[in-house]
Amino acid sequence: MSTHTPGPWSVVDHKTASENIYAANGRHIVNVGAHDYGWQPGQERSRDECMANAYLIAAAPEMYEALKEVLASKCPCDAFVKGRKAIAKAEGGIR
């Protein structure tokens, strides 16, 4: 898997039904909107849900790096097993 666009990522709020996420270098990452790919009538997302999704996605690079650092300590607990699976998924190892 190639590397992701480096963080930090941020949400640009245009006060509309969709939000854009950009990397620090100005590169557009994704648009999170009420009408995404595969949208069907009646499946609109609220503005609050779009904002929550956008902020979660924008936090991904920092969460990824923080989790990798925590997992490097090799603590044998269930949370670490879940964390390792999440890192593998983020790196394309689990689909």
PDB file of N, CA and C in Angstrom:
ATOM      1  N   MET A   1       0.846  -1.178   0.000  1.00  0.00           N
ATOM      2  CA  MET A   1       0.000   0.000   0.000  1.00  0.00           C
ATOM      3  C   MET A   1       0.889   1.238   0.000  1.00  0.00           C
ATOM      4  N   SER A   2       0.525   2.220  -0.782  1.00  0.00           N
ATOM      5  CA  SER A   2       1.282   3.469  -0.773  1.00  0.00           C
ATOM      6  C   SER A   2       0.925   4.262   0.484  1.00  0.00           C
ATOM      7  N   THR A   3       1.709   5.270   0.776  1.00  0.00           N
ATOM      8  CA  THR A   3       1.458   6.055   1.970  1.00  0.00           C
ATOM      9  C   THR A   3       0.296   7.025   1.756  1.00  0.00           C
ATOM     10  N   HIS A   4      -0.380   7.334   2.857  1.00  0.00           N
ATOM     11  CA  HIS A   4      -1.493   8.280   2.771  1.00  0.00           C
ATOM     12  C   HIS A   4      -0.957   9.714   2.694  1.00  0.00           C
ATOM     13  N   THR A   5      -1.822  10.626   2.344  1.00  0.00           N
ATOM     14  CA  THR A   5      -1.448  12.033   2.317  1.00  0.00           C
ATOM     15  C   THR A   5      -1.105  12.449   3.741  1.00  0.00           C
ATOM     16  N   PRO A   6       0.063  13.029   3.948  1.00  0.00           N
ATOM     17  CA  PRO A   6       0.470  13.382   5.315  1.00  0.00           C
ATOM     18  C   PRO A   6      -0.502  14.339   5.996  1.00  0.00           C
ATOM     19  N   GLY A   7      -0.635  14.170   7.301  1.00  0.00           N
ATOM     20  CA  GLY A   7      -1.449  15.062   8.115  1.00  0.00           C
ATOM     21  C   GLY A   7      -0.639  16.277   8.513  1.00  0.00           C
ATOM     22  N   PRO A   8      -1.209  17.190   9.209  1.00  0.00           N
ATOM     23  CA  PRO A   8      -2.579  17.120   9.690  1.00  0.00           C
ATOM     24  C   PRO A   8      -3.582  17.440   8.594  1.00  0.00           C
ATOM     25  N   TRP A   9      -4.782  16.922   8.778  1.00  0.00           N
ATOM     26  CA  TRP A   9      -5.892  17.222   7.893  1.00  0.00           C
ATOM     27  C   TRP A   9      -6.845  18.146   8.639  1.00  0.00           C
ATOM     28  N   SER A  10      -7.573  18.967   7.911  1.00  0.00           N
ATOM     29  CA  SER A  10      -8.522  19.866   8.562  1.00  0.00           C
ATOM     30  C   SER A  10      -9.811  19.944   7.762  1.00  0.00           C
ATOM     31  N   VAL A  11     -10.875  20.300   8.478  1.00  0.00           N
ATOM     32  CA  VAL A  11     -12.198  20.451   7.872  1.00  0.00           C
ATOM     33  C   VAL A  11     -12.380  21.905   7.490  1.00  0.00           C
ATOM     34  N   VAL A  12     -12.824  22.126   6.270  1.00  0.00           N
ATOM     35  CA  VAL A  12     -13.176  23.472   5.828  1.00  0.00           C
ATOM     36  C   VAL A  12     -14.695  23.519   5.779  1.00  0.00           C
ATOM     37  N   ASP A  13     -15.268  24.282   6.678  1.00  0.00           N
ATOM     38  CA  ASP A  13     -16.717  24.366   6.823  1.00  0.00           C
ATOM     39  C   ASP A  13     -17.246  25.516   5.973  1.00  0.00           C
ATOM     40  N   HIS A  14     -17.963  25.153   4.933  1.00  0.00           N
ATOM     41  CA  HIS A  14     -18.553  26.165   4.044  1.00  0.00           C
ATOM     42  C   HIS A  14     -20.006  26.442   4.398  1.00  0.00           C
ATOM     43  N   LYS A  15     -20.429  25.945   5.576  1.00  0.00           N
ATOM     44  CA  LYS A  15     -21.812  26.159   6.058  1.00  0.00           C
ATOM     45  C   LYS A  15     -22.841  25.607   5.073  1.00  0.00           C
ATOM     46  N   THR A  16     -22.503  24.484   4.448  1.00  0.00           N
ATOM     47  CA  THR A  16     -23.422  23.838   3.514  1.00  0.00           C
ATOM     48  C   THR A  16     -23.692  22.425   4.017  1.00  0.00           C
ATOM     49  N   ALA A  17     -24.345  21.621   3.204  1.00  0.00           N
ATOM     50  CA  ALA A  17     -24.653  20.243   3.575  1.00  0.00           C
ATOM     51  C   ALA A  17     -23.472  19.312   3.371  1.00  0.00           C
ATOM     52  N   SER A  18     -22.355  19.846   2.924  1.00  0.00           N
ATOM     53  CA  SER A  18     -21.168  19.006   2.762  1.00  0.00           C
ATOM     54  C   SER A  18     -19.944  19.754   3.261  1.00  0.00           C
ATOM     55  N   GLU A  19     -18.964  18.993   3.704  1.00  0.00           N
ATOM     56  CA  GLU A  19     -17.736  19.558   4.253  1.00  0.00           C
ATOM     57  C   GLU A  19     -16.555  18.994   3.479  1.00  0.00           C
ATOM     58  N   ASN A  20     -15.525  19.788   3.301  1.00  0.00           N
ATOM     59  CA  ASN A  20     -14.322  19.355   2.603  1.00  0.00           C
ATOM     60  C   ASN A  20     -13.189  19.188   3.593  1.00  0.00           C
ATOM     61  N   ILE A  21     -12.372  18.169   3.371  1.00  0.00           N
ATOM     62  CA  ILE A  21     -11.219  17.908   4.214  1.00  0.00           C
ATOM     63  C   ILE A  21      -9.974  18.119   3.361  1.00  0.00           C
ATOM     64  N   TYR A  22      -9.037  18.901   3.903  1.00  0.00           N
ATOM     65  CA  TYR A  22      -7.804  19.225   3.201  1.00  0.00           C
ATOM     66  C   TYR A  22      -6.597  18.864   4.053  1.00  0.00           C
ATOM     67  N   ALA A  23      -5.511  18.486   3.392  1.00  0.00           N
ATOM     68  CA  ALA A  23      -4.238  18.246   4.062  1.00  0.00           C
ATOM     69  C   ALA A  23      -3.544  19.582   4.281  1.00  0.00           C
ATOM     70  N   ALA A  24      -2.513  19.565   5.135  1.00  0.00           N
ATOM     71  CA  ALA A  24      -1.761  20.783   5.433  1.00  0.00           C
ATOM     72  C   ALA A  24      -1.144  21.391   4.179  1.00  0.00           C
ATOM     73  N   ASN A  25      -0.825  20.544   3.182  1.00  0.00           N
ATOM     74  CA  ASN A  25      -0.223  21.044   1.944  1.00  0.00           C
ATOM     75  C   ASN A  25      -1.266  21.590   0.965  1.00  0.00           C
ATOM     76  N   GLY A  26      -2.530  21.667   1.398  1.00  0.00           N
ATOM     77  CA  GLY A  26      -3.597  22.201   0.563  1.00  0.00           C
ATOM     78  C   GLY A  26      -4.283  21.175  -0.312  1.00  0.00           C
ATOM     79  N   ARG A  27      -3.817  19.954  -0.285  1.00  0.00           N
ATOM     80  CA  ARG A  27      -4.401  18.905  -1.121  1.00  0.00           C
ATOM     81  C   ARG A  27      -5.780  18.497  -0.604  1.00  0.00           C
ATOM     82  N   HIS A  28      -6.756  18.418  -1.505  1.00  0.00           N
ATOM     83  CA  HIS A  28      -8.113  18.003  -1.142  1.00  0.00           C
ATOM     84  C   HIS A  28      -8.114  16.505  -0.848  1.00  0.00           C
ATOM     85  N   ILE A  29      -8.654  16.126   0.304  1.00  0.00           N
ATOM     86  CA  ILE A  29      -8.713  14.725   0.702  1.00  0.00           C
ATOM     87  C   ILE A  29     -10.052  14.123   0.314  1.00  0.00           C
ATOM     88  N   VAL A  30     -11.138  14.714   0.791  1.00  0.00           N
ATOM     89  CA  VAL A  30     -12.464  14.147   0.530  1.00  0.00           C
ATOM     90  C   VAL A  30     -13.537  15.183   0.839  1.00  0.00           C
ATOM     91  N   ASN A  31     -14.692  14.996   0.233  1.00  0.00           N
ATOM     92  CA  ASN A  31     -15.878  15.775   0.547  1.00  0.00           C
ATOM     93  C   ASN A  31     -16.834  14.856   1.288  1.00  0.00           C
ATOM     94  N   VAL A  32     -17.305  15.274   2.432  1.00  0.00           N
ATOM     95  CA  VAL A  32     -18.274  14.504   3.210  1.00  0.00           C
ATOM     96  C   VAL A  32     -19.589  15.254   3.134  1.00  0.00           C
ATOM     97  N   GLY A  33     -20.570  14.630   2.488  1.00  0.00           N
ATOM     98  CA  GLY A  33     -21.812  15.352   2.275  1.00  0.00           C
ATOM     99  C   GLY A  33     -23.058  14.553   2.561  1.00  0.00           C
ATOM    100  N   ALA A  34     -24.172  15.244   2.495  1.00  0.00           N
ATOM    101  CA  ALA A  34     -25.468  14.625   2.736  1.00  0.00           C
ATOM    102  C   ALA A  34     -25.828  13.636   1.636  1.00  0.00           C
ATOM    103  N   HIS A  35     -25.262  13.835   0.442  1.00  0.00           N
ATOM    104  CA  HIS A  35     -25.577  12.990  -0.704  1.00  0.00           C
ATOM    105  C   HIS A  35     -24.284  12.399  -1.256  1.00  0.00           C
ATOM    106  N   ASP A  36     -23.817  11.326  -0.661  1.00  0.00           N
ATOM    107  CA  ASP A  36     -22.582  10.689  -1.109  1.00  0.00           C
ATOM    108  C   ASP A  36     -22.864   9.646  -2.181  1.00  0.00           C
ATOM    109  N   TYR A  37     -21.789   9.051  -2.703  1.00  0.00           N
ATOM    110  CA  TYR A  37     -21.892   8.012  -3.730  1.00  0.00           C
ATOM    111  C   TYR A  37     -22.877   6.937  -3.284  1.00  0.00           C
ATOM    112  N   GLY A  38     -23.751   6.536  -4.139  1.00  0.00           N
ATOM    113  CA  GLY A  38     -24.736   5.501  -3.827  1.00  0.00           C
ATOM    114  C   GLY A  38     -25.951   6.034  -3.085  1.00  0.00           C
ATOM    115  N   TRP A  39     -26.045   7.350  -2.976  1.00  0.00           N
ATOM    116  CA  TRP A  39     -27.143   7.974  -2.256  1.00  0.00           C
ATOM    117  C   TRP A  39     -28.482   7.612  -2.870  1.00  0.00           C
ATOM    118  N   GLN A  40     -29.461   7.381  -2.011  1.00  0.00           N
ATOM    119  CA  GLN A  40     -30.829   7.115  -2.436  1.00  0.00           C
ATOM    120  C   GLN A  40     -31.746   8.121  -1.733  1.00  0.00           C
ATOM    121  N   PRO A  41     -32.846   8.522  -2.353  1.00  0.00           N
ATOM    122  CA  PRO A  41     -33.772   9.451  -1.687  1.00  0.00           C
ATOM    123  C   PRO A  41     -34.168   8.915  -0.312  1.00  0.00           C
ATOM    124  N   GLY A  42     -34.208   9.807   0.650  1.00  0.00           N
ATOM    125  CA  GLY A  42     -34.565   9.417   2.018  1.00  0.00           C
ATOM    126  C   GLY A  42     -33.370   9.024   2.865  1.00  0.00           C
ATOM    127  N   GLN A  43     -32.171   8.980   2.264  1.00  0.00           N
ATOM    128  CA  GLN A  43     -30.972   8.590   3.004  1.00  0.00           C
ATOM    129  C   GLN A  43     -30.053   9.779   3.284  1.00  0.00           C
ATOM    130  N   GLU A  44     -30.578  10.973   3.226  1.00  0.00           N
ATOM    131  CA  GLU A  44     -29.759  12.151   3.460  1.00  0.00           C
ATOM    132  C   GLU A  44     -29.193  12.129   4.879  1.00  0.00           C
ATOM    133  N   ARG A  45     -27.994  12.631   5.013  1.00  0.00           N
ATOM    134  CA  ARG A  45     -27.394  12.792   6.328  1.00  0.00           C
ATOM    135  C   ARG A  45     -27.649  14.223   6.796  1.00  0.00           C
ATOM    136  N   SER A  46     -27.812  14.387   8.099  1.00  0.00           N
ATOM    137  CA  SER A  46     -27.987  15.732   8.641  1.00  0.00           C
ATOM    138  C   SER A  46     -26.657  16.473   8.585  1.00  0.00           C
ATOM    139  N   ARG A  47     -26.718  17.789   8.693  1.00  0.00           N
ATOM    140  CA  ARG A  47     -25.490  18.582   8.703  1.00  0.00           C
ATOM    141  C   ARG A  47     -24.627  18.196   9.896  1.00  0.00           C
ATOM    142  N   ASP A  48     -25.246  17.937  11.053  1.00  0.00           N
ATOM    143  CA  ASP A  48     -24.485  17.526  12.237  1.00  0.00           C
ATOM    144  C   ASP A  48     -23.753  16.206  12.000  1.00  0.00           C
ATOM    145  N   GLU A  49     -24.424  15.264  11.338  1.00  0.00           N
ATOM    146  CA  GLU A  49     -23.776  13.978  11.050  1.00  0.00           C
ATOM    147  C   GLU A  49     -22.627  14.166  10.060  1.00  0.00           C
ATOM    148  N   CYS A  50     -22.814  15.008   9.050  1.00  0.00           N
ATOM    149  CA  CYS A  50     -21.741  15.275   8.087  1.00  0.00           C
ATOM    150  C   CYS A  50     -20.542  15.899   8.777  1.00  0.00           C
ATOM    151  N   MET A  51     -20.794  16.850   9.677  1.00  0.00           N
ATOM    152  CA  MET A  51     -19.703  17.492  10.401  1.00  0.00           C
ATOM    153  C   MET A  51     -18.979  16.485  11.278  1.00  0.00           C
ATOM    154  N   ALA A  52     -19.723  15.638  11.993  1.00  0.00           N
ATOM    155  CA  ALA A  52     -19.096  14.636  12.863  1.00  0.00           C
ATOM    156  C   ALA A  52     -18.244  13.677  12.043  1.00  0.00           C
ATOM    157  N   ASN A  53     -18.746  13.233  10.901  1.00  0.00           N
ATOM    158  CA  ASN A  53     -17.976  12.345  10.028  1.00  0.00           C
ATOM    159  C   ASN A  53     -16.722  13.046   9.509  1.00  0.00           C
ATOM    160  N   ALA A  54     -16.866  14.298   9.127  1.00  0.00           N
ATOM    161  CA  ALA A  54     -15.727  15.047   8.590  1.00  0.00           C
ATOM    162  C   ALA A  54     -14.632  15.204   9.648  1.00  0.00           C
ATOM    163  N   TYR A  55     -15.011  15.548  10.879  1.00  0.00           N
ATOM    164  CA  TYR A  55     -14.006  15.714  11.933  1.00  0.00           C
ATOM    165  C   TYR A  55     -13.343  14.387  12.286  1.00  0.00           C
ATOM    166  N   LEU A  56     -14.089  13.307  12.260  1.00  0.00           N
ATOM    167  CA  LEU A  56     -13.507  11.985  12.517  1.00  0.00           C
ATOM    168  C   LEU A  56     -12.487  11.632  11.433  1.00  0.00           C
ATOM    169  N   ILE A  57     -12.843  11.848  10.187  1.00  0.00           N
ATOM    170  CA  ILE A  57     -11.927  11.559   9.083  1.00  0.00           C
ATOM    171  C   ILE A  57     -10.689  12.452   9.167  1.00  0.00           C
ATOM    172  N   ALA A  58     -10.890  13.736   9.477  1.00  0.00           N
ATOM    173  CA  ALA A  58      -9.759  14.663   9.555  1.00  0.00           C
ATOM    174  C   ALA A  58      -8.784  14.278  10.666  1.00  0.00           C
ATOM    175  N   ALA A  59      -9.270  13.620  11.708  1.00  0.00           N
ATOM    176  CA  ALA A  59      -8.411  13.202  12.822  1.00  0.00           C
ATOM    177  C   ALA A  59      -7.647  11.915  12.521  1.00  0.00           C
ATOM    178  N   ALA A  60      -7.971  11.254  11.431  1.00  0.00           N
ATOM    179  CA  ALA A  60      -7.396   9.940  11.129  1.00  0.00           C
ATOM    180  C   ALA A  60      -5.871   9.895  11.133  1.00  0.00           C
ATOM    181  N   PRO A  61      -5.164  10.818  10.481  1.00  0.00           N
ATOM    182  CA  PRO A  61      -3.696  10.709  10.487  1.00  0.00           C
ATOM    183  C   PRO A  61      -3.097  10.774  11.891  1.00  0.00           C
ATOM    184  N   GLU A  62      -3.622  11.674  12.727  1.00  0.00           N
ATOM    185  CA  GLU A  62      -3.099  11.785  14.092  1.00  0.00           C
ATOM    186  C   GLU A  62      -3.447  10.558  14.923  1.00  0.00           C
ATOM    187  N   MET A  63      -4.673  10.030  14.766  1.00  0.00           N
ATOM    188  CA  MET A  63      -5.054   8.825  15.512  1.00  0.00           C
ATOM    189  C   MET A  63      -4.202   7.641  15.070  1.00  0.00           C
ATOM    190  N   TYR A  64      -3.944   7.550  13.789  1.00  0.00           N
ATOM    191  CA  TYR A  64      -3.121   6.475  13.240  1.00  0.00           C
ATOM    192  C   TYR A  64      -1.724   6.498  13.857  1.00  0.00           C
ATOM    193  N   GLU A  65      -1.095   7.669  13.854  1.00  0.00           N
ATOM    194  CA  GLU A  65       0.252   7.789  14.408  1.00  0.00           C
ATOM    195  C   GLU A  65       0.265   7.529  15.916  1.00  0.00           C
ATOM    196  N   ALA A  66      -0.726   8.056  16.644  1.00  0.00           N
ATOM    197  CA  ALA A  66      -0.792   7.847  18.089  1.00  0.00           C
ATOM    198  C   ALA A  66      -0.973   6.372  18.419  1.00  0.00           C
ATOM    199  N   LEU A  67      -1.835   5.704  17.684  1.00  0.00           N
ATOM    200  CA  LEU A  67      -2.066   4.284  17.936  1.00  0.00           C
ATOM    201  C   LEU A  67      -0.827   3.459  17.640  1.00  0.00           C
ATOM    202  N   LYS A  68      -0.110   3.795  16.579  1.00  0.00           N
ATOM    203  CA  LYS A  68       1.136   3.081  16.284  1.00  0.00           C
ATOM    204  C   LYS A  68       2.137   3.237  17.429  1.00  0.00           C
ATOM    205  N   GLU A  69       2.231   4.428  18.013  1.00  0.00           N
ATOM    206  CA  GLU A  69       3.140   4.659  19.132  1.00  0.00           C
ATOM    207  C   GLU A  69       2.717   3.853  20.360  1.00  0.00           C
ATOM    208  N   VAL A  70       1.424   3.833  20.661  1.00  0.00           N
ATOM    209  CA  VAL A  70       0.927   3.070  21.816  1.00  0.00           C
ATOM    210  C   VAL A  70       1.203   1.585  21.624  1.00  0.00           C
ATOM    211  N   LEU A  71       0.956   1.089  20.436  1.00  0.00           N
ATOM    212  CA  LEU A  71       1.142  -0.344  20.180  1.00  0.00           C
ATOM    213  C   LEU A  71       2.603  -0.750  20.213  1.00  0.00           C
ATOM    214  N   ALA A  72       3.497   0.185  20.017  1.00  0.00           N
ATOM    215  CA  ALA A  72       4.929  -0.131  20.080  1.00  0.00           C
ATOM    216  C   ALA A  72       5.349  -0.550  21.481  1.00  0.00           C
ATOM    217  N   SER A  73       4.531  -0.242  22.500  1.00  0.00           N
ATOM    218  CA  SER A  73       4.870  -0.621  23.877  1.00  0.00           C
ATOM    219  C   SER A  73       4.576  -2.098  24.161  1.00  0.00           C
ATOM    220  N   LYS A  74       3.826  -2.771  23.282  1.00  0.00           N
ATOM    221  CA  LYS A  74       3.569  -4.211  23.335  1.00  0.00           C
ATOM    222  C   LYS A  74       2.873  -4.678  24.621  1.00  0.00           C
ATOM    223  N   CYS A  75       1.928  -3.915  25.105  1.00  0.00           N
ATOM    224  CA  CYS A  75       1.121  -4.318  26.258  1.00  0.00           C
ATOM    225  C   CYS A  75       0.135  -5.395  25.810  1.00  0.00           C
ATOM    226  N   PRO A  76       0.110  -6.572  26.457  1.00  0.00           N
ATOM    227  CA  PRO A  76      -0.777  -7.660  26.024  1.00  0.00           C
ATOM    228  C   PRO A  76      -2.196  -7.516  26.589  1.00  0.00           C
ATOM    229  N   CYS A  77      -3.015  -6.705  25.982  1.00  0.00           N
ATOM    230  CA  CYS A  77      -4.409  -6.587  26.418  1.00  0.00           C
ATOM    231  C   CYS A  77      -5.316  -6.537  25.191  1.00  0.00           C
ATOM    232  N   ASP A  78      -6.611  -6.709  25.426  1.00  0.00           N
ATOM    233  CA  ASP A  78      -7.582  -6.748  24.328  1.00  0.00           C
ATOM    234  C   ASP A  78      -7.557  -5.465  23.489  1.00  0.00           C
ATOM    235  N   ALA A  79      -7.365  -4.325  24.144  1.00  0.00           N
ATOM    236  CA  ALA A  79      -7.346  -3.065  23.404  1.00  0.00           C
ATOM    237  C   ALA A  79      -6.198  -3.036  22.404  1.00  0.00           C
ATOM    238  N   PHE A  80      -5.078  -3.652  22.759  1.00  0.00           N
ATOM    239  CA  PHE A  80      -3.935  -3.670  21.846  1.00  0.00           C
ATOM    240  C   PHE A  80      -4.205  -4.584  20.655  1.00  0.00           C
ATOM    241  N   VAL A  81      -4.912  -5.679  20.893  1.00  0.00           N
ATOM    242  CA  VAL A  81      -5.287  -6.567  19.783  1.00  0.00           C
ATOM    243  C   VAL A  81      -6.188  -5.804  18.813  1.00  0.00           C
ATOM    244  N   LYS A  82      -7.170  -5.081  19.341  1.00  0.00           N
ATOM    245  CA  LYS A  82      -8.063  -4.284  18.501  1.00  0.00           C
ATOM    246  C   LYS A  82      -7.275  -3.190  17.771  1.00  0.00           C
ATOM    247  N   GLY A  83      -6.330  -2.583  18.479  1.00  0.00           N
ATOM    248  CA  GLY A  83      -5.511  -1.542  17.870  1.00  0.00           C
ATOM    249  C   GLY A  83      -4.668  -2.072  16.734  1.00  0.00           C
ATOM    250  N   ARG A  84      -4.086  -3.242  16.927  1.00  0.00           N
ATOM    251  CA  ARG A  84      -3.275  -3.841  15.850  1.00  0.00           C
ATOM    252  C   ARG A  84      -4.130  -4.143  14.622  1.00  0.00           C
ATOM    253  N   LYS A  85      -5.355  -4.607  14.850  1.00  0.00           N
ATOM    254  CA  LYS A  85      -6.263  -4.878  13.730  1.00  0.00           C
ATOM    255  C   LYS A  85      -6.635  -3.578  13.014  1.00  0.00           C
ATOM    256  N   ALA A  86      -6.837  -2.512  13.784  1.00  0.00           N
ATOM    257  CA  ALA A  86      -7.181  -1.220  13.179  1.00  0.00           C
ATOM    258  C   ALA A  86      -6.026  -0.684  12.337  1.00  0.00           C
ATOM    259  N   ILE A  87      -4.798  -0.821  12.832  1.00  0.00           N
ATOM    260  CA  ILE A  87      -3.626  -0.385  12.064  1.00  0.00           C
ATOM    261  C   ILE A  87      -3.503  -1.213  10.787  1.00  0.00           C
ATOM    262  N   ALA A  88      -3.696  -2.520  10.896  1.00  0.00           N
ATOM    263  CA  ALA A  88      -3.616  -3.379   9.711  1.00  0.00           C
ATOM    264  C   ALA A  88      -4.671  -2.971   8.684  1.00  0.00           C
ATOM    265  N   LYS A  89      -5.869  -2.650   9.144  1.00  0.00           N
ATOM    266  CA  LYS A  89      -6.928  -2.206   8.233  1.00  0.00           C
ATOM    267  C   LYS A  89      -6.539  -0.890   7.573  1.00  0.00           C
ATOM    268  N   ALA A  90      -6.008   0.052   8.367  1.00  0.00           N
ATOM    269  CA  ALA A  90      -5.619   1.363   7.822  1.00  0.00           C
ATOM    270  C   ALA A  90      -4.498   1.224   6.810  1.00  0.00           C
ATOM    271  N   GLU A  91      -3.657   0.213   6.979  1.00  0.00           N
ATOM    272  CA  GLU A  91      -2.534   0.005   6.057  1.00  0.00           C
ATOM    273  C   GLU A  91      -2.911  -0.903   4.885  1.00  0.00           C
ATOM    274  N   GLY A  92      -4.167  -1.288   4.792  1.00  0.00           N
ATOM    275  CA  GLY A  92      -4.636  -2.093   3.661  1.00  0.00           C
ATOM    276  C   GLY A  92      -4.492  -3.584   3.843  1.00  0.00           C
ATOM    277  N   GLY A  93      -4.110  -4.038   5.041  1.00  0.00           N
ATOM    278  CA  GLY A  93      -3.919  -5.461   5.292  1.00  0.00           C
ATOM    279  C   GLY A  93      -5.193  -6.214   5.570  1.00  0.00           C
ATOM    280  N   ILE A  94      -6.206  -5.538   6.058  1.00  0.00           N
ATOM    281  CA  ILE A  94      -7.515  -6.142   6.345  1.00  0.00           C
ATOM    282  C   ILE A  94      -8.541  -5.324   5.582  1.00  0.00           C
ATOM    283  N   ARG A  95      -9.410  -5.992   4.873  1.00  0.00           N
ATOM    284  CA  ARG A  95     -10.453  -5.279   4.109  1.00  0.00           C
ATOM    285  C   ARG A  95     -11.821  -5.646   4.578  1.00  0.00           C
TER     286      ARG A  95
END
